[in-house]
Amino acid sequence: MVVGNEKCGKTHLLHRFIENPDIYLNDYKPTDGIDYKVKYKTLLINKQKNNHKLQIWDCSGALKYRHLLPSFYKKVGAIILC
């Protein structure tokens, strides 16, 4: 889960990590509520390939959506604070 104030770059950070690290988003589009992105990654652990699904939640920094966050905190494995 990525949380932080409005316009701090949470969505941009996720876009570069999940979609394309070489493309910079020039247009600002605020996240309405909560959005998520998924990335599939194969990791080599003890000489065996393991497939993993990484689901990252992008939380709006707008005050009007802050009441939604506590219900998502319960199921989160990690939080990135921007």
PDB file of N, CA and C in Angstrom:
ATOM      1  N   MET A   1       0.847  -1.162   0.000  1.00  0.00           N
ATOM      2  CA  MET A   1       0.000   0.000   0.000  1.00  0.00           C
ATOM      3  C   MET A   1       0.897   1.230   0.000  1.00  0.00           C
ATOM      4  N   VAL A   2       0.541   2.187  -0.840  1.00  0.00           N
ATOM      5  CA  VAL A   2       1.284   3.444  -0.919  1.00  0.00           C
ATOM      6  C   VAL A   2       0.365   4.556  -0.410  1.00  0.00           C
ATOM      7  N   VAL A   3       0.828   5.274   0.609  1.00  0.00           N
ATOM      8  CA  VAL A   3       0.036   6.362   1.184  1.00  0.00           C
ATOM      9  C   VAL A   3       0.882   7.627   1.274  1.00  0.00           C
ATOM     10  N   GLY A   4       0.217   8.775   1.319  1.00  0.00           N
ATOM     11  CA  GLY A   4       0.909  10.053   1.427  1.00  0.00           C
ATOM     12  C   GLY A   4      -0.025  11.185   1.058  1.00  0.00           C
ATOM     13  N   ASN A   5       0.466  12.383   1.130  1.00  0.00           N
ATOM     14  CA  ASN A   5      -0.320  13.569   0.806  1.00  0.00           C
ATOM     15  C   ASN A   5      -0.653  13.636  -0.676  1.00  0.00           C
ATOM     16  N   GLU A   6      -1.581  14.499  -1.007  1.00  0.00           N
ATOM     17  CA  GLU A   6      -1.940  14.727  -2.409  1.00  0.00           C
ATOM     18  C   GLU A   6      -0.726  15.213  -3.192  1.00  0.00           C
ATOM     19  N   LYS A   7      -0.646  14.799  -4.442  1.00  0.00           N
ATOM     20  CA  LYS A   7       0.359  15.273  -5.405  1.00  0.00           C
ATOM     21  C   LYS A   7       1.809  15.009  -4.987  1.00  0.00           C
ATOM     22  N   CYS A   8       2.046  13.957  -4.192  1.00  0.00           N
ATOM     23  CA  CYS A   8       3.436  13.677  -3.789  1.00  0.00           C
ATOM     24  C   CYS A   8       4.104  12.653  -4.701  1.00  0.00           C
ATOM     25  N   GLY A   9       3.338  12.052  -5.640  1.00  0.00           N
ATOM     26  CA  GLY A   9       3.944  11.158  -6.618  1.00  0.00           C
ATOM     27  C   GLY A   9       3.676   9.677  -6.418  1.00  0.00           C
ATOM     28  N   LYS A  10       2.681   9.328  -5.616  1.00  0.00           N
ATOM     29  CA  LYS A  10       2.367   7.915  -5.365  1.00  0.00           C
ATOM     30  C   LYS A  10       2.001   7.171  -6.647  1.00  0.00           C
ATOM     31  N   THR A  11       1.075   7.719  -7.423  1.00  0.00           N
ATOM     32  CA  THR A  11       0.630   7.077  -8.659  1.00  0.00           C
ATOM     33  C   THR A  11       1.759   7.018  -9.678  1.00  0.00           C
ATOM     34  N   HIS A  12       2.537   8.063  -9.763  1.00  0.00           N
ATOM     35  CA  HIS A  12       3.676   8.099 -10.683  1.00  0.00           C
ATOM     36  C   HIS A  12       4.701   7.019 -10.313  1.00  0.00           C
ATOM     37  N   LEU A  13       4.980   6.876  -9.031  1.00  0.00           N
ATOM     38  CA  LEU A  13       5.911   5.860  -8.557  1.00  0.00           C
ATOM     39  C   LEU A  13       5.434   4.464  -8.954  1.00  0.00           C
ATOM     40  N   LEU A  14       4.162   4.187  -8.749  1.00  0.00           N
ATOM     41  CA  LEU A  14       3.608   2.884  -9.117  1.00  0.00           C
ATOM     42  C   LEU A  14       3.638   2.664 -10.622  1.00  0.00           C
ATOM     43  N   HIS A  15       3.314   3.692 -11.375  1.00  0.00           N
ATOM     44  CA  HIS A  15       3.338   3.573 -12.834  1.00  0.00           C
ATOM     45  C   HIS A  15       4.737   3.186 -13.318  1.00  0.00           C
ATOM     46  N   ARG A  16       5.735   3.835 -12.784  1.00  0.00           N
ATOM     47  CA  ARG A  16       7.111   3.549 -13.212  1.00  0.00           C
ATOM     48  C   ARG A  16       7.549   2.161 -12.775  1.00  0.00           C
ATOM     49  N   PHE A  17       7.115   1.693 -11.623  1.00  0.00           N
ATOM     50  CA  PHE A  17       7.495   0.370 -11.140  1.00  0.00           C
ATOM     51  C   PHE A  17       6.751  -0.739 -11.879  1.00  0.00           C
ATOM     52  N   ILE A  18       5.452  -0.566 -12.084  1.00  0.00           N
ATOM     53  CA  ILE A  18       4.620  -1.610 -12.674  1.00  0.00           C
ATOM     54  C   ILE A  18       4.623  -1.553 -14.202  1.00  0.00           C
ATOM     55  N   GLU A  19       4.424  -0.385 -14.765  1.00  0.00           N
ATOM     56  CA  GLU A  19       4.210  -0.259 -16.203  1.00  0.00           C
ATOM     57  C   GLU A  19       5.509  -0.079 -16.991  1.00  0.00           C
ATOM     58  N   ASN A  20       6.169   1.065 -16.792  1.00  0.00           N
ATOM     59  CA  ASN A  20       7.336   1.381 -17.606  1.00  0.00           C
ATOM     60  C   ASN A  20       8.228   2.385 -16.873  1.00  0.00           C
ATOM     61  N   PRO A  21       9.424   1.962 -16.470  1.00  0.00           N
ATOM     62  CA  PRO A  21      10.307   2.881 -15.730  1.00  0.00           C
ATOM     63  C   PRO A  21      10.884   4.014 -16.578  1.00  0.00           C
ATOM     64  N   ASP A  22      10.741   3.921 -17.894  1.00  0.00           N
ATOM     65  CA  ASP A  22      11.327   4.937 -18.769  1.00  0.00           C
ATOM     66  C   ASP A  22      10.367   6.059 -19.150  1.00  0.00           C
ATOM     67  N   ILE A  23       9.106   5.928 -18.767  1.00  0.00           N
ATOM     68  CA  ILE A  23       8.112   6.935 -19.153  1.00  0.00           C
ATOM     69  C   ILE A  23       7.729   7.779 -17.944  1.00  0.00           C
ATOM     70  N   TYR A  24       7.848   9.081 -18.108  1.00  0.00           N
ATOM     71  CA  TYR A  24       7.460  10.036 -17.067  1.00  0.00           C
ATOM     72  C   TYR A  24       6.060  10.555 -17.382  1.00  0.00           C
ATOM     73  N   LEU A  25       5.171  10.495 -16.394  1.00  0.00           N
ATOM     74  CA  LEU A  25       3.807  10.982 -16.591  1.00  0.00           C
ATOM     75  C   LEU A  25       3.776  12.500 -16.441  1.00  0.00           C
ATOM     76  N   ASN A  26       3.448  13.202 -17.506  1.00  0.00           N
ATOM     77  CA  ASN A  26       3.402  14.661 -17.459  1.00  0.00           C
ATOM     78  C   ASN A  26       2.067  15.197 -16.973  1.00  0.00           C
ATOM     79  N   ASP A  27       1.006  14.442 -17.185  1.00  0.00           N
ATOM     80  CA  ASP A  27      -0.310  14.925 -16.788  1.00  0.00           C
ATOM     81  C   ASP A  27      -0.682  14.394 -15.404  1.00  0.00           C
ATOM     82  N   TYR A  28      -1.289  15.257 -14.601  1.00  0.00           N
ATOM     83  CA  TYR A  28      -1.687  14.896 -13.245  1.00  0.00           C
ATOM     84  C   TYR A  28      -3.152  14.485 -13.235  1.00  0.00           C
ATOM     85  N   LYS A  29      -3.408  13.271 -12.786  1.00  0.00           N
ATOM     86  CA  LYS A  29      -4.772  12.778 -12.620  1.00  0.00           C
ATOM     87  C   LYS A  29      -4.891  12.230 -11.211  1.00  0.00           C
ATOM     88  N   PRO A  30      -5.634  12.898 -10.340  1.00  0.00           N
ATOM     89  CA  PRO A  30      -5.733  12.430  -8.953  1.00  0.00           C
ATOM     90  C   PRO A  30      -6.436  11.075  -8.863  1.00  0.00           C
ATOM     91  N   THR A  31      -6.010  10.290  -7.910  1.00  0.00           N
ATOM     92  CA  THR A  31      -6.639   8.993  -7.656  1.00  0.00           C
ATOM     93  C   THR A  31      -7.933   9.226  -6.896  1.00  0.00           C
ATOM     94  N   ASP A  32      -8.996   8.625  -7.381  1.00  0.00           N
ATOM     95  CA  ASP A  32     -10.286   8.716  -6.685  1.00  0.00           C
ATOM     96  C   ASP A  32     -10.408   7.531  -5.747  1.00  0.00           C
ATOM     97  N   GLY A  33     -10.310   7.772  -4.458  1.00  0.00           N
ATOM     98  CA  GLY A  33     -10.423   6.701  -3.472  1.00  0.00           C
ATOM     99  C   GLY A  33      -9.166   5.851  -3.457  1.00  0.00           C
ATOM    100  N   ILE A  34      -9.302   4.598  -3.896  1.00  0.00           N
ATOM    101  CA  ILE A  34      -8.184   3.665  -3.885  1.00  0.00           C
ATOM    102  C   ILE A  34      -8.130   2.929  -5.224  1.00  0.00           C
ATOM    103  N   ASP A  35      -6.940   2.777  -5.748  1.00  0.00           N
ATOM    104  CA  ASP A  35      -6.716   2.052  -6.996  1.00  0.00           C
ATOM    105  C   ASP A  35      -5.634   1.017  -6.701  1.00  0.00           C
ATOM    106  N   TYR A  36      -5.457   0.059  -7.587  1.00  0.00           N
ATOM    107  CA  TYR A  36      -4.368  -0.885  -7.382  1.00  0.00           C
ATOM    108  C   TYR A  36      -3.762  -1.313  -8.711  1.00  0.00           C
ATOM    109  N   LYS A  37      -2.535  -1.762  -8.610  1.00  0.00           N
ATOM    110  CA  LYS A  37      -1.786  -2.269  -9.757  1.00  0.00           C
ATOM    111  C   LYS A  37      -1.236  -3.642  -9.384  1.00  0.00           C
ATOM    112  N   VAL A  38      -1.033  -4.490 -10.397  1.00  0.00           N
ATOM    113  CA  VAL A  38      -0.519  -5.833 -10.171  1.00  0.00           C
ATOM    114  C   VAL A  38       0.721  -6.045 -11.037  1.00  0.00           C
ATOM    115  N   LYS A  39       1.737  -6.681 -10.436  1.00  0.00           N
ATOM    116  CA  LYS A  39       2.941  -7.047 -11.184  1.00  0.00           C
ATOM    117  C   LYS A  39       3.275  -8.500 -10.856  1.00  0.00           C
ATOM    118  N   TYR A  40       3.542  -9.262 -11.895  1.00  0.00           N
ATOM    119  CA  TYR A  40       3.943 -10.652 -11.725  1.00  0.00           C
ATOM    120  C   TYR A  40       5.454 -10.721 -11.863  1.00  0.00           C
ATOM    121  N   LYS A  41       6.083 -11.429 -10.954  1.00  0.00           N
ATOM    122  CA  LYS A  41       7.539 -11.485 -10.937  1.00  0.00           C
ATOM    123  C   LYS A  41       7.979 -12.914 -10.650  1.00  0.00           C
ATOM    124  N   THR A  42       8.971 -13.386 -11.400  1.00  0.00           N
ATOM    125  CA  THR A  42       9.567 -14.693 -11.155  1.00  0.00           C
ATOM    126  C   THR A  42      10.888 -14.483 -10.431  1.00  0.00           C
ATOM    127  N   LEU A  43      11.022 -15.110  -9.273  1.00  0.00           N
ATOM    128  CA  LEU A  43      12.235 -14.989  -8.479  1.00  0.00           C
ATOM    129  C   LEU A  43      12.938 -16.341  -8.397  1.00  0.00           C
ATOM    130  N   LEU A  44      14.239 -16.325  -8.413  1.00  0.00           N
ATOM    131  CA  LEU A  44      15.029 -17.539  -8.277  1.00  0.00           C
ATOM    132  C   LEU A  44      15.431 -17.680  -6.817  1.00  0.00           C
ATOM    133  N   ILE A  45      14.876 -18.687  -6.140  1.00  0.00           N
ATOM    134  CA  ILE A  45      15.156 -18.914  -4.724  1.00  0.00           C
ATOM    135  C   ILE A  45      15.621 -20.358  -4.569  1.00  0.00           C
ATOM    136  N   ASN A  46      16.818 -20.537  -4.035  1.00  0.00           N
ATOM    137  CA  ASN A  46      17.407 -21.881  -3.869  1.00  0.00           C
ATOM    138  C   ASN A  46      17.389 -22.664  -5.179  1.00  0.00           C
ATOM    139  N   LYS A  47      17.787 -22.006  -6.253  1.00  0.00           N
ATOM    140  CA  LYS A  47      17.874 -22.596  -7.591  1.00  0.00           C
ATOM    141  C   LYS A  47      16.531 -23.053  -8.153  1.00  0.00           C
ATOM    142  N   GLN A  48      15.441 -22.557  -7.594  1.00  0.00           N
ATOM    143  CA  GLN A  48      14.110 -22.865  -8.111  1.00  0.00           C
ATOM    144  C   GLN A  48      13.406 -21.561  -8.460  1.00  0.00           C
ATOM    145  N   LYS A  49      12.714 -21.581  -9.600  1.00  0.00           N
ATOM    146  CA  LYS A  49      11.944 -20.408 -10.003  1.00  0.00           C
ATOM    147  C   LYS A  49      10.610 -20.404  -9.267  1.00  0.00           C
ATOM    148  N   ASN A  50      10.290 -19.261  -8.689  1.00  0.00           N
ATOM    149  CA  ASN A  50       9.028 -19.086  -7.969  1.00  0.00           C
ATOM    150  C   ASN A  50       8.291 -17.890  -8.549  1.00  0.00           C
ATOM    151  N   ASN A  51       7.045 -18.089  -8.916  1.00  0.00           N
ATOM    152  CA  ASN A  51       6.218 -17.007  -9.449  1.00  0.00           C
ATOM    153  C   ASN A  51       5.496 -16.309  -8.309  1.00  0.00           C
ATOM    154  N   HIS A  52       5.521 -14.983  -8.349  1.00  0.00           N
ATOM    155  CA  HIS A  52       4.893 -14.182  -7.305  1.00  0.00           C
ATOM    156  C   HIS A  52       3.997 -13.114  -7.929  1.00  0.00           C
ATOM    157  N   LYS A  53       2.919 -12.827  -7.258  1.00  0.00           N
ATOM    158  CA  LYS A  53       1.999 -11.766  -7.666  1.00  0.00           C
ATOM    159  C   LYS A  53       2.096 -10.660  -6.624  1.00  0.00           C
ATOM    160  N   LEU A  54       2.467  -9.479  -7.076  1.00  0.00           N
ATOM    161  CA  LEU A  54       2.590  -8.323  -6.196  1.00  0.00           C
ATOM    162  C   LEU A  54       1.439  -7.382  -6.497  1.00  0.00           C
ATOM    163  N   GLN A  55       0.595  -7.163  -5.517  1.00  0.00           N
ATOM    164  CA  GLN A  55      -0.560  -6.269  -5.674  1.00  0.00           C
ATOM    165  C   GLN A  55      -0.314  -5.049  -4.799  1.00  0.00           C
ATOM    166  N   ILE A  56      -0.249  -3.876  -5.431  1.00  0.00           N
ATOM    167  CA  ILE A  56       0.063  -2.645  -4.703  1.00  0.00           C
ATOM    168  C   ILE A  56      -1.126  -1.697  -4.784  1.00  0.00           C
ATOM    169  N   TRP A  57      -1.585  -1.268  -3.630  1.00  0.00           N
ATOM    170  CA  TRP A  57      -2.736  -0.365  -3.540  1.00  0.00           C
ATOM    171  C   TRP A  57      -2.256   1.074  -3.504  1.00  0.00           C
ATOM    172  N   ASP A  58      -2.879   1.893  -4.324  1.00  0.00           N
ATOM    173  CA  ASP A  58      -2.572   3.321  -4.447  1.00  0.00           C
ATOM    174  C   ASP A  58      -3.709   4.095  -3.789  1.00  0.00           C
ATOM    175  N   CYS A  59      -3.420   4.713  -2.656  1.00  0.00           N
ATOM    176  CA  CYS A  59      -4.458   5.416  -1.881  1.00  0.00           C
ATOM    177  C   CYS A  59      -4.422   6.911  -2.167  1.00  0.00           C
ATOM    178  N   SER A  60      -5.580   7.462  -2.404  1.00  0.00           N
ATOM    179  CA  SER A  60      -5.679   8.901  -2.646  1.00  0.00           C
ATOM    180  C   SER A  60      -5.178   9.671  -1.436  1.00  0.00           C
ATOM    181  N   GLY A  61      -4.511  10.777  -1.694  1.00  0.00           N
ATOM    182  CA  GLY A  61      -4.052  11.631  -0.605  1.00  0.00           C
ATOM    183  C   GLY A  61      -5.080  12.672  -0.193  1.00  0.00           C
ATOM    184  N   ALA A  62      -6.207  12.728  -0.897  1.00  0.00           N
ATOM    185  CA  ALA A  62      -7.243  13.717  -0.593  1.00  0.00           C
ATOM    186  C   ALA A  62      -7.894  13.414   0.759  1.00  0.00           C
ATOM    187  N   LEU A  63      -8.135  14.455   1.511  1.00  0.00           N
ATOM    188  CA  LEU A  63      -8.727  14.296   2.846  1.00  0.00           C
ATOM    189  C   LEU A  63     -10.091  13.605   2.805  1.00  0.00           C
ATOM    190  N   LYS A  64     -10.848  13.822   1.742  1.00  0.00           N
ATOM    191  CA  LYS A  64     -12.195  13.253   1.687  1.00  0.00           C
ATOM    192  C   LYS A  64     -12.193  11.725   1.585  1.00  0.00           C
ATOM    193  N   TYR A  65     -11.026  11.115   1.280  1.00  0.00           N
ATOM    194  CA  TYR A  65     -10.933   9.653   1.186  1.00  0.00           C
ATOM    195  C   TYR A  65     -10.196   9.018   2.358  1.00  0.00           C
ATOM    196  N   ARG A  66      -9.716   9.806   3.286  1.00  0.00           N
ATOM    197  CA  ARG A  66      -8.917   9.265   4.395  1.00  0.00           C
ATOM    198  C   ARG A  66      -9.696   8.262   5.251  1.00  0.00           C
ATOM    199  N   HIS A  67     -11.007   8.407   5.310  1.00  0.00           N
ATOM    200  CA  HIS A  67     -11.807   7.488   6.130  1.00  0.00           C
ATOM    201  C   HIS A  67     -11.793   6.057   5.574  1.00  0.00           C
ATOM    202  N   LEU A  68     -11.406   5.880   4.309  1.00  0.00           N
ATOM    203  CA  LEU A  68     -11.347   4.549   3.698  1.00  0.00           C
ATOM    204  C   LEU A  68     -10.110   3.756   4.118  1.00  0.00           C
ATOM    205  N   LEU A  69      -9.041   4.437   4.464  1.00  0.00           N
ATOM    206  CA  LEU A  69      -7.755   3.782   4.682  1.00  0.00           C
ATOM    207  C   LEU A  69      -7.737   2.736   5.799  1.00  0.00           C
ATOM    208  N   PRO A  70      -8.303   2.998   6.982  1.00  0.00           N
ATOM    209  CA  PRO A  70      -8.196   2.001   8.059  1.00  0.00           C
ATOM    210  C   PRO A  70      -8.721   0.613   7.688  1.00  0.00           C
ATOM    211  N   SER A  71      -9.736   0.537   6.867  1.00  0.00           N
ATOM    212  CA  SER A  71     -10.262  -0.771   6.497  1.00  0.00           C
ATOM    213  C   SER A  71      -9.274  -1.550   5.617  1.00  0.00           C
ATOM    214  N   PHE A  72      -8.373  -0.862   4.930  1.00  0.00           N
ATOM    215  CA  PHE A  72      -7.378  -1.524   4.088  1.00  0.00           C
ATOM    216  C   PHE A  72      -6.109  -1.870   4.857  1.00  0.00           C
ATOM    217  N   TYR A  73      -5.818  -1.152   5.942  1.00  0.00           N
ATOM    218  CA  TYR A  73      -4.601  -1.401   6.715  1.00  0.00           C
ATOM    219  C   TYR A  73      -4.561  -2.818   7.271  1.00  0.00           C
ATOM    220  N   LYS A  74      -5.693  -3.384   7.589  1.00  0.00           N
ATOM    221  CA  LYS A  74      -5.766  -4.704   8.232  1.00  0.00           C
ATOM    222  C   LYS A  74      -5.205  -5.812   7.344  1.00  0.00           C
ATOM    223  N   LYS A  75      -5.277  -5.654   6.040  1.00  0.00           N
ATOM    224  CA  LYS A  75      -4.877  -6.710   5.116  1.00  0.00           C
ATOM    225  C   LYS A  75      -3.531  -6.443   4.431  1.00  0.00           C
ATOM    226  N   VAL A  76      -2.815  -5.429   4.871  1.00  0.00           N
ATOM    227  CA  VAL A  76      -1.590  -4.984   4.192  1.00  0.00           C
ATOM    228  C   VAL A  76      -0.363  -5.650   4.774  1.00  0.00           C
ATOM    229  N   GLY A  77       0.558  -6.063   3.883  1.00  0.00           N
ATOM    230  CA  GLY A  77       1.826  -6.649   4.316  1.00  0.00           C
ATOM    231  C   GLY A  77       2.929  -5.618   4.486  1.00  0.00           C
ATOM    232  N   ALA A  78       2.810  -4.466   3.788  1.00  0.00           N
ATOM    233  CA  ALA A  78       3.804  -3.399   3.862  1.00  0.00           C
ATOM    234  C   ALA A  78       3.177  -2.088   3.419  1.00  0.00           C
ATOM    235  N   ILE A  79       3.728  -0.987   3.921  1.00  0.00           N
ATOM    236  CA  ILE A  79       3.243   0.347   3.554  1.00  0.00           C
ATOM    237  C   ILE A  79       4.430   1.182   3.086  1.00  0.00           C
ATOM    238  N   ILE A  80       4.257   1.857   1.947  1.00  0.00           N
ATOM    239  CA  ILE A  80       5.248   2.817   1.455  1.00  0.00           C
ATOM    240  C   ILE A  80       4.661   4.202   1.719  1.00  0.00           C
ATOM    241  N   LEU A  81       5.366   4.994   2.471  1.00  0.00           N
ATOM    242  CA  LEU A  81       4.915   6.341   2.819  1.00  0.00           C
ATOM    243  C   LEU A  81       5.656   7.342   1.969  1.00  0.00           C
ATOM    244  N   CYS A  82       4.912   8.117   1.186  1.00  0.00           N
ATOM    245  CA  CYS A  82       5.519   9.138   0.318  1.00  0.00           C
ATOM    246  C   CYS A  82       5.390  10.502   0.945  1.00  0.00           C
TER     247      CYS A  82
END
